[in-house]
Amino acid sequence: MPAARLMLIAARLKLMTARLKLMTARLKLMTARLKLMTALPAGLREQLTRTLGALARVYRRAARPHGPGRGR
């Protein structure tokens, strides 16, 4: 098998491993959040959900490119 083909296979494997790690981290985060939410009383749970949602919106807005020529 040519070396270039082996390198391509290795790169794909690395990408798949990275994706799997990211998915695992997301799953762990969701599990932790679910455990936290179920442990809280209803009123506090709703307040925390609103706060986290607002915080997520702020971070998403900040992550977008700003200024002239944005999005490149």
PDB file of N, CA and C in Angstrom:
ATOM      1  N   MET A   1       0.853  -1.199   0.000  1.00  0.00           N
ATOM      2  CA  MET A   1       0.000   0.000   0.000  1.00  0.00           C
ATOM      3  C   MET A   1       0.892   1.253   0.000  1.00  0.00           C
ATOM      4  N   PRO A   2       0.627   2.209  -0.871  1.00  0.00           N
ATOM      5  CA  PRO A   2       1.470   3.422  -0.922  1.00  0.00           C
ATOM      6  C   PRO A   2       1.418   4.205   0.391  1.00  0.00           C
ATOM      7  N   ALA A   3       2.503   4.902   0.683  1.00  0.00           N
ATOM      8  CA  ALA A   3       2.615   5.654   1.941  1.00  0.00           C
ATOM      9  C   ALA A   3       1.562   6.753   2.041  1.00  0.00           C
ATOM     10  N   ALA A   4       1.247   7.389   0.922  1.00  0.00           N
ATOM     11  CA  ALA A   4       0.250   8.475   0.923  1.00  0.00           C
ATOM     12  C   ALA A   4      -1.121   7.951   1.346  1.00  0.00           C
ATOM     13  N   ARG A   5      -1.443   6.758   0.903  1.00  0.00           N
ATOM     14  CA  ARG A   5      -2.732   6.159   1.258  1.00  0.00           C
ATOM     15  C   ARG A   5      -2.789   5.850   2.760  1.00  0.00           C
ATOM     16  N   LEU A   6      -1.668   5.342   3.285  1.00  0.00           N
ATOM     17  CA  LEU A   6      -1.598   5.062   4.720  1.00  0.00           C
ATOM     18  C   LEU A   6      -1.726   6.343   5.537  1.00  0.00           C
ATOM     19  N   MET A   7      -1.103   7.413   5.059  1.00  0.00           N
ATOM     20  CA  MET A   7      -1.185   8.701   5.757  1.00  0.00           C
ATOM     21  C   MET A   7      -2.617   9.229   5.751  1.00  0.00           C
ATOM     22  N   LEU A   8      -3.312   9.034   4.642  1.00  0.00           N
ATOM     23  CA  LEU A   8      -4.710   9.464   4.538  1.00  0.00           C
ATOM     24  C   LEU A   8      -5.584   8.685   5.522  1.00  0.00           C
ATOM     25  N   ILE A   9      -5.355   7.378   5.595  1.00  0.00           N
ATOM     26  CA  ILE A   9      -6.113   6.538   6.533  1.00  0.00           C
ATOM     27  C   ILE A   9      -5.836   6.974   7.971  1.00  0.00           C
ATOM     28  N   ALA A  10      -4.576   7.253   8.278  1.00  0.00           N
ATOM     29  CA  ALA A  10      -4.200   7.691   9.626  1.00  0.00           C
ATOM     30  C   ALA A  10      -4.859   9.029   9.969  1.00  0.00           C
ATOM     31  N   ALA A  11      -4.905   9.941   9.004  1.00  0.00           N
ATOM     32  CA  ALA A  11      -5.529  11.252   9.228  1.00  0.00           C
ATOM     33  C   ALA A  11      -7.029  11.097   9.481  1.00  0.00           C
ATOM     34  N   ARG A  12      -7.667  10.216   8.722  1.00  0.00           N
ATOM     35  CA  ARG A  12      -9.106   9.969   8.922  1.00  0.00           C
ATOM     36  C   ARG A  12      -9.369   9.378  10.298  1.00  0.00           C
ATOM     37  N   LEU A  13      -8.506   8.468  10.701  1.00  0.00           N
ATOM     38  CA  LEU A  13      -8.645   7.836  12.011  1.00  0.00           C
ATOM     39  C   LEU A  13      -8.490   8.866  13.129  1.00  0.00           C
ATOM     40  N   LYS A  14      -7.531   9.772  12.969  1.00  0.00           N
ATOM     41  CA  LYS A  14      -7.335  10.835  13.962  1.00  0.00           C
ATOM     42  C   LYS A  14      -8.566  11.734  14.050  1.00  0.00           C
ATOM     43  N   LEU A  15      -9.131  12.069  12.897  1.00  0.00           N
ATOM     44  CA  LEU A  15     -10.325  12.912  12.855  1.00  0.00           C
ATOM     45  C   LEU A  15     -11.499  12.214  13.532  1.00  0.00           C
ATOM     46  N   MET A  16     -11.672  10.944  13.248  1.00  0.00           N
ATOM     47  CA  MET A  16     -12.757  10.189  13.861  1.00  0.00           C
ATOM     48  C   MET A  16     -12.568  10.098  15.381  1.00  0.00           C
ATOM     49  N   THR A  17     -11.329   9.914  15.816  1.00  0.00           N
ATOM     50  CA  THR A  17     -11.037   9.857  17.249  1.00  0.00           C
ATOM     51  C   THR A  17     -11.353  11.191  17.914  1.00  0.00           C
ATOM     52  N   ALA A  18     -10.973  12.276  17.267  1.00  0.00           N
ATOM     53  CA  ALA A  18     -11.247  13.613  17.816  1.00  0.00           C
ATOM     54  C   ALA A  18     -12.752  13.855  17.915  1.00  0.00           C
ATOM     55  N   ARG A  19     -13.492  13.441  16.886  1.00  0.00           N
ATOM     56  CA  ARG A  19     -14.957  13.594  16.910  1.00  0.00           C
ATOM     57  C   ARG A  19     -15.581  12.787  18.041  1.00  0.00           C
ATOM     58  N   LEU A  20     -15.077  11.581  18.224  1.00  0.00           N
ATOM     59  CA  LEU A  20     -15.579  10.711  19.290  1.00  0.00           C
ATOM     60  C   LEU A  20     -15.314  11.326  20.664  1.00  0.00           C
ATOM     61  N   LYS A  21     -14.116  11.885  20.843  1.00  0.00           N
ATOM     62  CA  LYS A  21     -13.777  12.538  22.112  1.00  0.00           C
ATOM     63  C   LYS A  21     -14.699  13.728  22.371  1.00  0.00           C
ATOM     64  N   LEU A  22     -14.964  14.515  21.332  1.00  0.00           N
ATOM     65  CA  LEU A  22     -15.856  15.666  21.461  1.00  0.00           C
ATOM     66  C   LEU A  22     -17.269  15.217  21.829  1.00  0.00           C
ATOM     67  N   MET A  23     -17.753  14.175  21.165  1.00  0.00           N
ATOM     68  CA  MET A  23     -19.088  13.662  21.464  1.00  0.00           C
ATOM     69  C   MET A  23     -19.167  13.127  22.893  1.00  0.00           C
ATOM     70  N   THR A  24     -18.110  12.471  23.342  1.00  0.00           N
ATOM     71  CA  THR A  24     -18.073  11.954  24.711  1.00  0.00           C
ATOM     72  C   THR A  24     -18.102  13.091  25.715  1.00  0.00           C
ATOM     73  N   ALA A  25     -17.332  14.137  25.440  1.00  0.00           N
ATOM     74  CA  ALA A  25     -17.310  15.299  26.336  1.00  0.00           C
ATOM     75  C   ALA A  25     -18.685  15.963  26.402  1.00  0.00           C
ATOM     76  N   ARG A  26     -19.346  16.082  25.250  1.00  0.00           N
ATOM     77  CA  ARG A  26     -20.691  16.670  25.214  1.00  0.00           C
ATOM     78  C   ARG A  26     -21.681  15.832  26.016  1.00  0.00           C
ATOM     79  N   LEU A  27     -21.566  14.523  25.870  1.00  0.00           N
ATOM     80  CA  LEU A  27     -22.452  13.608  26.592  1.00  0.00           C
ATOM     81  C   LEU A  27     -22.240  13.736  28.103  1.00  0.00           C
ATOM     82  N   LYS A  28     -20.978  13.811  28.521  1.00  0.00           N
ATOM     83  CA  LYS A  28     -20.664  13.971  29.947  1.00  0.00           C
ATOM     84  C   LYS A  28     -21.240  15.274  30.487  1.00  0.00           C
ATOM     85  N   LEU A  29     -21.106  16.340  29.698  1.00  0.00           N
ATOM     86  CA  LEU A  29     -21.636  17.643  30.096  1.00  0.00           C
ATOM     87  C   LEU A  29     -23.156  17.589  30.225  1.00  0.00           C
ATOM     88  N   MET A  30     -23.810  16.972  29.266  1.00  0.00           N
ATOM     89  CA  MET A  30     -25.272  16.861  29.307  1.00  0.00           C
ATOM     90  C   MET A  30     -25.721  16.031  30.506  1.00  0.00           C
ATOM     91  N   THR A  31     -24.991  14.959  30.798  1.00  0.00           N
ATOM     92  CA  THR A  31     -25.320  14.108  31.942  1.00  0.00           C
ATOM     93  C   THR A  31     -25.172  14.879  33.247  1.00  0.00           C
ATOM     94  N   ALA A  32     -24.074  15.620  33.366  1.00  0.00           N
ATOM     95  CA  ALA A  32     -23.842  16.413  34.577  1.00  0.00           C
ATOM     96  C   ALA A  32     -24.925  17.474  34.750  1.00  0.00           C
ATOM     97  N   ARG A  33     -25.307  18.094  33.650  1.00  0.00           N
ATOM     98  CA  ARG A  33     -26.341  19.127  33.699  1.00  0.00           C
ATOM     99  C   ARG A  33     -27.693  18.535  34.110  1.00  0.00           C
ATOM    100  N   LEU A  34     -27.977  17.359  33.568  1.00  0.00           N
ATOM    101  CA  LEU A  34     -29.224  16.675  33.893  1.00  0.00           C
ATOM    102  C   LEU A  34     -29.265  16.297  35.374  1.00  0.00           C
ATOM    103  N   LYS A  35     -28.153  15.784  35.892  1.00  0.00           N
ATOM    104  CA  LYS A  35     -28.072  15.421  37.317  1.00  0.00           C
ATOM    105  C   LYS A  35     -28.276  16.652  38.191  1.00  0.00           C
ATOM    106  N   LEU A  36     -27.650  17.756  37.788  1.00  0.00           N
ATOM    107  CA  LEU A  36     -27.778  18.999  38.551  1.00  0.00           C
ATOM    108  C   LEU A  36     -29.216  19.494  38.542  1.00  0.00           C
ATOM    109  N   MET A  37     -29.834  19.464  37.369  1.00  0.00           N
ATOM    110  CA  MET A  37     -31.200  19.967  37.241  1.00  0.00           C
ATOM    111  C   MET A  37     -32.200  19.138  38.049  1.00  0.00           C
ATOM    112  N   THR A  38     -32.018  17.821  38.036  1.00  0.00           N
ATOM    113  CA  THR A  38     -32.966  16.976  38.758  1.00  0.00           C
ATOM    114  C   THR A  38     -32.796  17.094  40.266  1.00  0.00           C
ATOM    115  N   ALA A  39     -31.622  17.537  40.715  1.00  0.00           N
ATOM    116  CA  ALA A  39     -31.372  17.668  42.150  1.00  0.00           C
ATOM    117  C   ALA A  39     -31.926  18.980  42.715  1.00  0.00           C
ATOM    118  N   LEU A  40     -32.227  19.926  41.827  1.00  0.00           N
ATOM    119  CA  LEU A  40     -32.674  21.250  42.286  1.00  0.00           C
ATOM    120  C   LEU A  40     -34.193  21.331  42.407  1.00  0.00           C
ATOM    121  N   PRO A  41     -34.679  22.184  43.321  1.00  0.00           N
ATOM    122  CA  PRO A  41     -36.118  22.436  43.356  1.00  0.00           C
ATOM    123  C   PRO A  41     -36.566  23.188  42.090  1.00  0.00           C
ATOM    124  N   ALA A  42     -37.848  23.068  41.757  1.00  0.00           N
ATOM    125  CA  ALA A  42     -38.376  23.567  40.481  1.00  0.00           C
ATOM    126  C   ALA A  42     -38.089  25.046  40.227  1.00  0.00           C
ATOM    127  N   GLY A  43     -38.346  25.919  41.203  1.00  0.00           N
ATOM    128  CA  GLY A  43     -38.142  27.357  41.004  1.00  0.00           C
ATOM    129  C   GLY A  43     -36.699  27.702  40.689  1.00  0.00           C
ATOM    130  N   LEU A  44     -35.794  27.096  41.431  1.00  0.00           N
ATOM    131  CA  LEU A  44     -34.364  27.345  41.223  1.00  0.00           C
ATOM    132  C   LEU A  44     -33.910  26.782  39.884  1.00  0.00           C
ATOM    133  N   ARG A  45     -34.488  25.633  39.512  1.00  0.00           N
ATOM    134  CA  ARG A  45     -34.167  24.992  38.235  1.00  0.00           C
ATOM    135  C   ARG A  45     -34.529  25.906  37.074  1.00  0.00           C
ATOM    136  N   GLU A  46     -35.715  26.509  37.121  1.00  0.00           N
ATOM    137  CA  GLU A  46     -36.155  27.409  36.046  1.00  0.00           C
ATOM    138  C   GLU A  46     -35.264  28.642  35.966  1.00  0.00           C
ATOM    139  N   GLN A  47     -34.906  29.177  37.118  1.00  0.00           N
ATOM    140  CA  GLN A  47     -34.048  30.366  37.157  1.00  0.00           C
ATOM    141  C   GLN A  47     -32.673  30.052  36.565  1.00  0.00           C
ATOM    142  N   LEU A  48     -32.128  28.894  36.933  1.00  0.00           N
ATOM    143  CA  LEU A  48     -30.822  28.486  36.425  1.00  0.00           C
ATOM    144  C   LEU A  48     -30.871  28.249  34.916  1.00  0.00           C
ATOM    145  N   THR A  49     -31.959  27.664  34.444  1.00  0.00           N
ATOM    146  CA  THR A  49     -32.123  27.418  33.001  1.00  0.00           C
ATOM    147  C   THR A  49     -32.134  28.732  32.230  1.00  0.00           C
ATOM    148  N   ARG A  50     -32.866  29.712  32.752  1.00  0.00           N
ATOM    149  CA  ARG A  50     -32.906  31.033  32.089  1.00  0.00           C
ATOM    150  C   ARG A  50     -31.531  31.680  32.091  1.00  0.00           C
ATOM    151  N   THR A  51     -30.838  31.613  33.217  1.00  0.00           N
ATOM    152  CA  THR A  51     -29.509  32.231  33.337  1.00  0.00           C
ATOM    153  C   THR A  51     -28.521  31.576  32.376  1.00  0.00           C
ATOM    154  N   LEU A  52     -28.525  30.242  32.333  1.00  0.00           N
ATOM    155  CA  LEU A  52     -27.619  29.523  31.429  1.00  0.00           C
ATOM    156  C   LEU A  52     -27.931  29.825  29.972  1.00  0.00           C
ATOM    157  N   GLY A  53     -29.215  29.941  29.649  1.00  0.00           N
ATOM    158  CA  GLY A  53     -29.616  30.274  28.283  1.00  0.00           C
ATOM    159  C   GLY A  53     -29.137  31.654  27.876  1.00  0.00           C
ATOM    160  N   ALA A  54     -29.287  32.618  28.786  1.00  0.00           N
ATOM    161  CA  ALA A  54     -28.841  33.987  28.511  1.00  0.00           C
ATOM    162  C   ALA A  54     -27.324  34.030  28.342  1.00  0.00           C
ATOM    163  N   LEU A  55     -26.623  33.290  29.195  1.00  0.00           N
ATOM    164  CA  LEU A  55     -25.161  33.240  29.125  1.00  0.00           C
ATOM    165  C   LEU A  55     -24.704  32.620  27.807  1.00  0.00           C
ATOM    166  N   ALA A  56     -25.389  31.561  27.383  1.00  0.00           N
ATOM    167  CA  ALA A  56     -25.046  30.899  26.120  1.00  0.00           C
ATOM    168  C   ALA A  56     -25.249  31.853  24.944  1.00  0.00           C
ATOM    169  N   ARG A  57     -26.335  32.649  24.994  1.00  0.00           N
ATOM    170  CA  ARG A  57     -26.581  33.622  23.913  1.00  0.00           C
ATOM    171  C   ARG A  57     -25.476  34.666  23.851  1.00  0.00           C
ATOM    172  N   VAL A  58     -25.035  35.137  25.012  1.00  0.00           N
ATOM    173  CA  VAL A  58     -23.957  36.140  25.063  1.00  0.00           C
ATOM    174  C   VAL A  58     -22.682  35.575  24.446  1.00  0.00           C
ATOM    175  N   TYR A  59     -22.342  34.328  24.821  1.00  0.00           N
ATOM    176  CA  TYR A  59     -21.123  33.715  24.281  1.00  0.00           C
ATOM    177  C   TYR A  59     -21.231  33.482  22.783  1.00  0.00           C
ATOM    178  N   ARG A  60     -22.412  33.056  22.308  1.00  0.00           N
ATOM    179  CA  ARG A  60     -22.583  32.846  20.866  1.00  0.00           C
ATOM    180  C   ARG A  60     -22.441  34.146  20.105  1.00  0.00           C
ATOM    181  N   ARG A  61     -23.014  35.231  20.673  1.00  0.00           N
ATOM    182  CA  ARG A  61     -22.929  36.531  20.030  1.00  0.00           C
ATOM    183  C   ARG A  61     -21.481  37.011  19.986  1.00  0.00           C
ATOM    184  N   ALA A  62     -20.738  36.776  21.077  1.00  0.00           N
ATOM    185  CA  ALA A  62     -19.343  37.216  21.152  1.00  0.00           C
ATOM    186  C   ALA A  62     -18.462  36.397  20.199  1.00  0.00           C
ATOM    187  N   ALA A  63     -18.853  35.148  19.945  1.00  0.00           N
ATOM    188  CA  ALA A  63     -18.035  34.273  19.111  1.00  0.00           C
ATOM    189  C   ALA A  63     -18.144  34.616  17.622  1.00  0.00           C
ATOM    190  N   ARG A  64     -19.197  35.334  17.266  1.00  0.00           N
ATOM    191  CA  ARG A  64     -19.359  35.693  15.844  1.00  0.00           C
ATOM    192  C   ARG A  64     -18.311  36.734  15.448  1.00  0.00           C
ATOM    193  N   PRO A  65     -17.854  36.669  14.207  1.00  0.00           N
ATOM    194  CA  PRO A  65     -16.871  37.668  13.750  1.00  0.00           C
ATOM    195  C   PRO A  65     -17.487  39.074  13.682  1.00  0.00           C
ATOM    196  N   HIS A  66     -16.716  40.064  14.039  1.00  0.00           N
ATOM    197  CA  HIS A  66     -17.192  41.445  14.016  1.00  0.00           C
ATOM    198  C   HIS A  66     -16.361  42.278  13.043  1.00  0.00           C
ATOM    199  N   GLY A  67     -16.888  43.417  12.655  1.00  0.00           N
ATOM    200  CA  GLY A  67     -16.133  44.368  11.847  1.00  0.00           C
ATOM    201  C   GLY A  67     -16.262  44.098  10.359  1.00  0.00           C
ATOM    202  N   PRO A  68     -15.512  44.896   9.566  1.00  0.00           N
ATOM    203  CA  PRO A  68     -15.594  44.768   8.104  1.00  0.00           C
ATOM    204  C   PRO A  68     -15.039  43.432   7.630  1.00  0.00           C
ATOM    205  N   GLY A  69     -15.687  42.867   6.616  1.00  0.00           N
ATOM    206  CA  GLY A  69     -15.215  41.603   6.059  1.00  0.00           C
ATOM    207  C   GLY A  69     -15.444  40.427   6.980  1.00  0.00           C
ATOM    208  N   ARG A  70     -16.451  40.520   7.829  1.00  0.00           N
ATOM    209  CA  ARG A  70     -16.673  39.438   8.797  1.00  0.00           C
ATOM    210  C   ARG A  70     -17.136  38.161   8.116  1.00  0.00           C
ATOM    211  N   GLY A  71     -16.822  37.057   8.755  1.00  0.00           N
ATOM    212  CA  GLY A  71     -17.224  35.768   8.223  1.00  0.00           C
ATOM    213  C   GLY A  71     -16.270  35.178   7.208  1.00  0.00           C
ATOM    214  N   ARG A  72     -15.067  35.707   7.149  1.00  0.00           N
ATOM    215  CA  ARG A  72     -14.089  35.160   6.180  1.00  0.00           C
ATOM    216  C   ARG A  72     -13.008  34.411   6.905  1.00  0.00           C
TER     217      ARG A  72
END
